[in-house]
Amino acid sequence: MTYEVGLSRMLRAFHVMPGMPGPEGERHHHDYRIEMVVERRDLDERAMVCDLDLLEAALADLAGRIEGKDLEDAIQPSGAEGITVEVFARWAHETLADVVRRAGGETLALRVWESPTAFGGYRAAVGG
């Protein structure tokens, strides 16, 4: 059993899915929702998973880095042909993991929603 807290944030960014016909194969935007959930087995001495203000600041910083940007220019990891929601979720996890670990979280799950009904996600421990 674990406790969890979470946040989400909306942002607009652009991308292209290489090799696909339009509109996905052409530069287009999504109004993404990034959702993060932090888990911890036991609550800390304040009866919290971790400080939501710290998480909010980190998520706002992440969103500010990519708001209105082309994801292929902003975050594309080497070896990735394009930015899928799965690739985006892993990048967001890697970007936020250290803050989550320092705040006391044990596991971070990220979901990147590209529409009201479709998301990709990545979940892993944040180290210790």
N, C-alpha and C. Protein backbone atom coordinates (compact mmCIF):
# COMPACT_ATOMS: atom_id res chain seq x y z
N MET A 1 0.84 -1.17 0.00
CA MET A 1 0.00 0.00 0.00
C MET A 1 0.88 1.24 0.00
N THR A 2 0.42 2.26 -0.70
CA THR A 2 1.17 3.51 -0.76
C THR A 2 0.21 4.69 -0.71
N TYR A 3 0.75 5.81 -0.27
CA TYR A 3 0.04 7.09 -0.33
C TYR A 3 0.46 7.77 -1.62
N GLU A 4 -0.38 8.69 -2.08
CA GLU A 4 -0.01 9.43 -3.27
C GLU A 4 -0.58 10.84 -3.25
N VAL A 5 0.12 11.74 -3.94
CA VAL A 5 -0.35 13.09 -4.21
C VAL A 5 -0.04 13.37 -5.67
N GLY A 6 -0.75 14.33 -6.23
CA GLY A 6 -0.50 14.62 -7.63
C GLY A 6 -0.92 16.00 -8.04
N LEU A 7 -0.47 16.36 -9.23
CA LEU A 7 -0.76 17.65 -9.83
C LEU A 7 -0.90 17.46 -11.34
N SER A 8 -1.50 18.44 -11.98
CA SER A 8 -1.49 18.45 -13.44
C SER A 8 -1.37 19.88 -13.92
N ARG A 9 -0.94 20.01 -15.15
CA ARG A 9 -0.75 21.33 -15.74
C ARG A 9 -0.98 21.23 -17.24
N MET A 10 -1.61 22.24 -17.78
CA MET A 10 -1.87 22.30 -19.22
C MET A 10 -0.78 23.13 -19.90
N LEU A 11 -0.48 22.76 -21.14
CA LEU A 11 0.42 23.55 -21.97
C LEU A 11 0.18 23.20 -23.42
N ARG A 12 0.56 24.10 -24.29
CA ARG A 12 0.46 23.87 -25.74
C ARG A 12 1.87 23.75 -26.29
N ALA A 13 2.09 22.72 -27.09
CA ALA A 13 3.38 22.53 -27.75
C ALA A 13 3.12 21.88 -29.10
N PHE A 14 4.14 21.90 -29.93
CA PHE A 14 4.04 21.41 -31.31
C PHE A 14 4.92 20.19 -31.51
N HIS A 15 4.55 19.37 -32.48
CA HIS A 15 5.41 18.25 -32.87
C HIS A 15 4.98 17.73 -34.24
N VAL A 16 5.78 16.80 -34.75
CA VAL A 16 5.52 16.13 -36.03
C VAL A 16 5.75 14.64 -35.79
N MET A 17 4.90 13.81 -36.37
CA MET A 17 5.14 12.37 -36.32
C MET A 17 5.74 11.95 -37.66
N PRO A 18 7.07 11.76 -37.71
CA PRO A 18 7.74 11.44 -38.98
C PRO A 18 7.15 10.19 -39.63
N GLY A 19 7.03 10.27 -40.94
CA GLY A 19 6.56 9.11 -41.70
C GLY A 19 5.07 8.90 -41.71
N MET A 20 4.32 9.77 -41.06
CA MET A 20 2.86 9.62 -41.02
C MET A 20 2.23 10.66 -41.95
N PRO A 21 1.07 10.33 -42.50
CA PRO A 21 0.37 11.32 -43.32
C PRO A 21 -0.19 12.43 -42.44
N GLY A 22 -0.55 13.55 -43.07
CA GLY A 22 -1.15 14.67 -42.33
C GLY A 22 -2.48 14.27 -41.73
N PRO A 23 -2.91 14.90 -40.69
CA PRO A 23 -2.22 16.03 -40.06
C PRO A 23 -1.11 15.61 -39.09
N GLU A 24 -1.06 14.35 -38.66
CA GLU A 24 -0.02 13.95 -37.70
C GLU A 24 1.38 14.06 -38.27
N GLY A 25 1.54 13.86 -39.57
CA GLY A 25 2.85 13.93 -40.20
C GLY A 25 3.30 15.34 -40.51
N GLU A 26 2.46 16.32 -40.21
CA GLU A 26 2.81 17.73 -40.40
C GLU A 26 2.91 18.39 -39.02
N ARG A 27 3.63 19.50 -38.96
CA ARG A 27 3.76 20.20 -37.67
C ARG A 27 2.37 20.63 -37.20
N HIS A 28 2.04 20.22 -35.98
CA HIS A 28 0.73 20.55 -35.41
C HIS A 28 0.88 20.67 -33.90
N HIS A 29 -0.12 21.24 -33.25
CA HIS A 29 -0.04 21.40 -31.81
C HIS A 29 -1.01 20.46 -31.11
N HIS A 30 -0.72 20.28 -29.84
CA HIS A 30 -1.64 19.62 -28.91
C HIS A 30 -1.73 20.51 -27.68
N ASP A 31 -2.87 20.53 -27.07
CA ASP A 31 -3.02 21.13 -25.75
C ASP A 31 -2.83 19.98 -24.77
N TYR A 32 -1.58 19.78 -24.39
CA TYR A 32 -1.19 18.67 -23.52
C TYR A 32 -1.59 18.95 -22.07
N ARG A 33 -1.89 17.88 -21.36
CA ARG A 33 -2.02 17.96 -19.91
C ARG A 33 -0.98 17.00 -19.34
N ILE A 34 -0.06 17.55 -18.57
CA ILE A 34 0.94 16.73 -17.90
C ILE A 34 0.44 16.46 -16.49
N GLU A 35 0.34 15.20 -16.16
CA GLU A 35 -0.18 14.77 -14.86
C GLU A 35 0.93 14.01 -14.14
N MET A 36 1.24 14.43 -12.92
CA MET A 36 2.25 13.71 -12.14
C MET A 36 1.64 13.19 -10.85
N VAL A 37 2.03 11.97 -10.49
CA VAL A 37 1.58 11.36 -9.24
C VAL A 37 2.83 10.88 -8.51
N VAL A 38 2.98 11.32 -7.27
CA VAL A 38 4.12 10.94 -6.44
C VAL A 38 3.61 9.99 -5.37
N GLU A 39 4.33 8.89 -5.20
CA GLU A 39 3.95 7.87 -4.21
C GLU A 39 5.02 7.74 -3.14
N ARG A 40 4.53 7.30 -1.98
CA ARG A 40 5.41 7.04 -0.84
C ARG A 40 4.74 6.00 0.04
N ARG A 41 5.50 5.05 0.51
CA ARG A 41 4.94 3.98 1.33
C ARG A 41 4.40 4.50 2.66
N ASP A 42 5.17 5.33 3.34
CA ASP A 42 4.75 5.88 4.63
C ASP A 42 4.80 7.41 4.56
N LEU A 43 3.92 8.05 5.29
CA LEU A 43 3.91 9.51 5.33
C LEU A 43 5.12 10.01 6.11
N ASP A 44 5.56 11.23 5.79
CA ASP A 44 6.70 11.80 6.50
C ASP A 44 6.25 12.33 7.86
N GLU A 45 7.16 12.99 8.57
CA GLU A 45 6.87 13.49 9.93
C GLU A 45 5.79 14.56 9.95
N ARG A 46 5.47 15.14 8.79
CA ARG A 46 4.39 16.14 8.69
C ARG A 46 3.07 15.51 8.25
N ALA A 47 3.06 14.18 8.15
CA ALA A 47 1.90 13.42 7.67
C ALA A 47 1.60 13.73 6.20
N MET A 48 2.67 13.89 5.41
CA MET A 48 2.56 14.20 3.99
C MET A 48 3.38 13.21 3.16
N VAL A 49 2.99 13.05 1.90
CA VAL A 49 3.84 12.33 0.94
C VAL A 49 5.04 13.21 0.64
N CYS A 50 4.78 14.44 0.24
CA CYS A 50 5.80 15.45 0.02
C CYS A 50 5.11 16.80 -0.17
N ASP A 51 5.90 17.84 -0.21
CA ASP A 51 5.39 19.20 -0.28
C ASP A 51 4.86 19.48 -1.68
N LEU A 52 3.56 19.72 -1.81
CA LEU A 52 2.95 20.00 -3.10
C LEU A 52 3.45 21.32 -3.70
N ASP A 53 3.84 22.27 -2.87
CA ASP A 53 4.37 23.53 -3.40
C ASP A 53 5.67 23.30 -4.17
N LEU A 54 6.52 22.41 -3.69
CA LEU A 54 7.76 22.09 -4.39
C LEU A 54 7.46 21.41 -5.73
N LEU A 55 6.50 20.51 -5.71
CA LEU A 55 6.13 19.82 -6.95
C LEU A 55 5.52 20.79 -7.95
N GLU A 56 4.67 21.69 -7.47
CA GLU A 56 4.03 22.67 -8.35
C GLU A 56 5.07 23.57 -9.01
N ALA A 57 6.06 24.01 -8.25
CA ALA A 57 7.11 24.86 -8.81
C ALA A 57 7.91 24.11 -9.88
N ALA A 58 8.23 22.86 -9.62
CA ALA A 58 8.99 22.07 -10.60
C ALA A 58 8.18 21.82 -11.86
N LEU A 59 6.89 21.53 -11.70
CA LEU A 59 6.04 21.29 -12.86
C LEU A 59 5.84 22.58 -13.66
N ALA A 60 5.71 23.70 -12.98
CA ALA A 60 5.58 24.99 -13.67
C ALA A 60 6.86 25.30 -14.45
N ASP A 61 8.01 25.02 -13.87
CA ASP A 61 9.28 25.24 -14.56
C ASP A 61 9.38 24.36 -15.81
N LEU A 62 9.03 23.09 -15.67
CA LEU A 62 9.04 22.18 -16.81
C LEU A 62 8.13 22.70 -17.92
N ALA A 63 6.91 23.08 -17.57
CA ALA A 63 5.95 23.58 -18.57
C ALA A 63 6.47 24.84 -19.24
N GLY A 64 7.08 25.73 -18.46
CA GLY A 64 7.61 26.96 -19.01
C GLY A 64 8.71 26.74 -20.03
N ARG A 65 9.45 25.65 -19.87
CA ARG A 65 10.54 25.33 -20.80
C ARG A 65 10.04 24.89 -22.17
N ILE A 66 8.80 24.39 -22.24
CA ILE A 66 8.32 23.84 -23.51
C ILE A 66 7.04 24.49 -24.03
N GLU A 67 6.41 25.35 -23.25
CA GLU A 67 5.18 26.02 -23.69
C GLU A 67 5.42 26.74 -25.02
N GLY A 68 4.59 26.41 -26.01
CA GLY A 68 4.65 27.06 -27.31
C GLY A 68 5.83 26.63 -28.18
N LYS A 69 6.60 25.67 -27.74
CA LYS A 69 7.80 25.24 -28.46
C LYS A 69 7.51 24.00 -29.32
N ASP A 70 8.43 23.75 -30.23
CA ASP A 70 8.42 22.52 -31.03
C ASP A 70 9.15 21.46 -30.21
N LEU A 71 8.48 20.39 -29.87
CA LEU A 71 9.07 19.37 -28.99
C LEU A 71 10.29 18.70 -29.61
N GLU A 72 10.32 18.60 -30.93
CA GLU A 72 11.50 18.01 -31.57
C GLU A 72 12.75 18.85 -31.30
N ASP A 73 12.60 20.15 -31.18
CA ASP A 73 13.73 21.02 -30.87
C ASP A 73 14.00 21.09 -29.37
N ALA A 74 12.96 21.02 -28.56
CA ALA A 74 13.09 21.27 -27.12
C ALA A 74 13.50 20.05 -26.31
N ILE A 75 13.01 18.86 -26.66
CA ILE A 75 13.23 17.73 -25.76
C ILE A 75 13.63 16.42 -26.43
N GLN A 76 13.75 16.38 -27.72
CA GLN A 76 13.95 15.10 -28.41
C GLN A 76 15.24 14.42 -27.97
N PRO A 77 15.12 13.24 -27.38
CA PRO A 77 16.33 12.51 -26.99
C PRO A 77 17.01 11.91 -28.21
N SER A 78 18.32 11.69 -28.12
CA SER A 78 19.03 11.08 -29.24
C SER A 78 18.46 9.69 -29.48
N GLY A 79 18.32 9.35 -30.72
CA GLY A 79 17.80 8.05 -31.09
C GLY A 79 16.29 7.99 -31.26
N ALA A 80 15.59 9.02 -30.83
CA ALA A 80 14.13 9.04 -31.00
C ALA A 80 13.79 9.72 -32.32
N GLU A 81 12.97 9.06 -33.13
CA GLU A 81 12.60 9.61 -34.42
C GLU A 81 11.63 10.78 -34.28
N GLY A 82 10.77 10.71 -33.27
CA GLY A 82 9.80 11.77 -33.03
C GLY A 82 9.39 11.76 -31.57
N ILE A 83 8.60 12.74 -31.21
CA ILE A 83 8.15 12.83 -29.82
C ILE A 83 6.73 12.28 -29.71
N THR A 84 6.63 11.08 -29.22
CA THR A 84 5.33 10.49 -28.90
C THR A 84 4.97 10.86 -27.47
N VAL A 85 3.75 10.60 -27.05
CA VAL A 85 3.40 10.90 -25.67
C VAL A 85 4.21 10.04 -24.69
N GLU A 86 4.61 8.84 -25.12
CA GLU A 86 5.44 7.99 -24.27
C GLU A 86 6.83 8.60 -24.07
N VAL A 87 7.42 9.07 -25.17
CA VAL A 87 8.74 9.72 -25.09
C VAL A 87 8.64 11.00 -24.25
N PHE A 88 7.59 11.76 -24.46
CA PHE A 88 7.36 12.99 -23.69
C PHE A 88 7.24 12.66 -22.21
N ALA A 89 6.49 11.62 -21.86
CA ALA A 89 6.31 11.24 -20.45
C ALA A 89 7.63 10.83 -19.81
N ARG A 90 8.45 10.09 -20.53
CA ARG A 90 9.74 9.68 -19.96
C ARG A 90 10.64 10.90 -19.75
N TRP A 91 10.67 11.82 -20.73
CA TRP A 91 11.46 13.05 -20.58
C TRP A 91 10.99 13.83 -19.35
N ALA A 92 9.68 13.97 -19.17
CA ALA A 92 9.15 14.70 -18.02
C ALA A 92 9.54 14.00 -16.72
N HIS A 93 9.48 12.67 -16.70
CA HIS A 93 9.89 11.92 -15.52
C HIS A 93 11.35 12.20 -15.19
N GLU A 94 12.22 12.11 -16.20
CA GLU A 94 13.64 12.34 -15.97
C GLU A 94 13.91 13.77 -15.50
N THR A 95 13.12 14.71 -15.99
CA THR A 95 13.28 16.11 -15.62
C THR A 95 12.85 16.37 -14.18
N LEU A 96 11.82 15.67 -13.71
CA LEU A 96 11.23 15.93 -12.39
C LEU A 96 11.72 14.98 -11.30
N ALA A 97 12.36 13.88 -11.66
CA ALA A 97 12.70 12.84 -10.68
C ALA A 97 13.55 13.34 -9.52
N ASP A 98 14.54 14.16 -9.78
CA ASP A 98 15.42 14.62 -8.70
C ASP A 98 14.67 15.49 -7.69
N VAL A 99 13.80 16.38 -8.18
CA VAL A 99 13.00 17.22 -7.28
C VAL A 99 12.08 16.34 -6.43
N VAL A 100 11.47 15.36 -7.06
CA VAL A 100 10.56 14.45 -6.33
C VAL A 100 11.33 13.67 -5.27
N ARG A 101 12.51 13.17 -5.62
CA ARG A 101 13.33 12.42 -4.66
C ARG A 101 13.71 13.31 -3.48
N ARG A 102 14.19 14.54 -3.77
CA ARG A 102 14.59 15.46 -2.70
C ARG A 102 13.40 15.88 -1.83
N ALA A 103 12.20 15.87 -2.39
CA ALA A 103 10.99 16.22 -1.63
C ALA A 103 10.47 15.05 -0.80
N GLY A 104 11.06 13.87 -0.97
CA GLY A 104 10.66 12.72 -0.17
C GLY A 104 9.84 11.67 -0.89
N GLY A 105 9.53 11.90 -2.17
CA GLY A 105 8.78 10.91 -2.94
C GLY A 105 9.63 9.69 -3.24
N GLU A 106 8.98 8.56 -3.43
CA GLU A 106 9.69 7.32 -3.74
C GLU A 106 9.47 6.88 -5.19
N THR A 107 8.28 7.11 -5.71
CA THR A 107 7.93 6.73 -7.08
C THR A 107 7.23 7.90 -7.74
N LEU A 108 7.53 8.09 -9.01
CA LEU A 108 6.89 9.15 -9.80
C LEU A 108 6.25 8.52 -11.02
N ALA A 109 4.98 8.80 -11.21
CA ALA A 109 4.26 8.38 -12.41
C ALA A 109 3.88 9.63 -13.18
N LEU A 110 4.15 9.62 -14.48
CA LEU A 110 3.83 10.74 -15.35
C LEU A 110 2.88 10.27 -16.43
N ARG A 111 1.85 11.05 -16.69
CA ARG A 111 0.99 10.84 -17.84
C ARG A 111 0.96 12.12 -18.64
N VAL A 112 1.09 11.98 -19.94
CA VAL A 112 0.98 13.12 -20.84
C VAL A 112 -0.25 12.86 -21.71
N TRP A 113 -1.25 13.68 -21.51
CA TRP A 113 -2.50 13.59 -22.25
C TRP A 113 -2.41 14.49 -23.48
N GLU A 114 -2.65 13.93 -24.68
CA GLU A 114 -2.64 14.76 -25.88
C GLU A 114 -4.05 15.08 -26.35
N SER A 115 -5.03 14.49 -25.68
CA SER A 115 -6.44 14.80 -25.92
C SER A 115 -7.18 14.43 -24.64
N PRO A 116 -8.47 14.73 -24.56
CA PRO A 116 -9.20 14.36 -23.35
C PRO A 116 -9.27 12.85 -23.10
N THR A 117 -8.97 12.05 -24.12
CA THR A 117 -9.12 10.60 -23.97
C THR A 117 -7.86 9.79 -24.25
N ALA A 118 -6.75 10.42 -24.62
CA ALA A 118 -5.56 9.66 -25.01
C ALA A 118 -4.32 10.17 -24.28
N PHE A 119 -3.56 9.24 -23.69
CA PHE A 119 -2.34 9.59 -22.97
C PHE A 119 -1.29 8.53 -23.16
N GLY A 120 -0.06 8.91 -22.84
CA GLY A 120 1.04 7.98 -22.70
C GLY A 120 1.66 8.24 -21.35
N GLY A 121 2.29 7.21 -20.78
CA GLY A 121 2.81 7.39 -19.43
C GLY A 121 4.14 6.71 -19.20
N TYR A 122 4.75 7.07 -18.07
CA TYR A 122 5.99 6.46 -17.63
C TYR A 122 6.02 6.51 -16.11
N ARG A 123 6.35 5.38 -15.47
CA ARG A 123 6.37 5.28 -14.01
C ARG A 123 7.62 4.56 -13.58
N ALA A 124 8.34 5.13 -12.58
CA ALA A 124 9.55 4.49 -12.07
C ALA A 124 9.89 5.08 -10.71
N ALA A 125 10.70 4.34 -9.96
CA ALA A 125 11.24 4.84 -8.70
C ALA A 125 12.15 6.02 -8.98
N VAL A 126 12.27 6.92 -8.03
CA VAL A 126 13.13 8.10 -8.21
C VAL A 126 14.47 7.97 -7.50
N GLY A 127 14.79 6.81 -7.03
CA GLY A 127 16.07 6.59 -6.37
C GLY A 127 16.04 7.00 -4.93
N GLY A 128 17.12 6.86 -4.27
CA GLY A 128 17.12 7.20 -2.85
C GLY A 128 18.44 7.49 -2.39
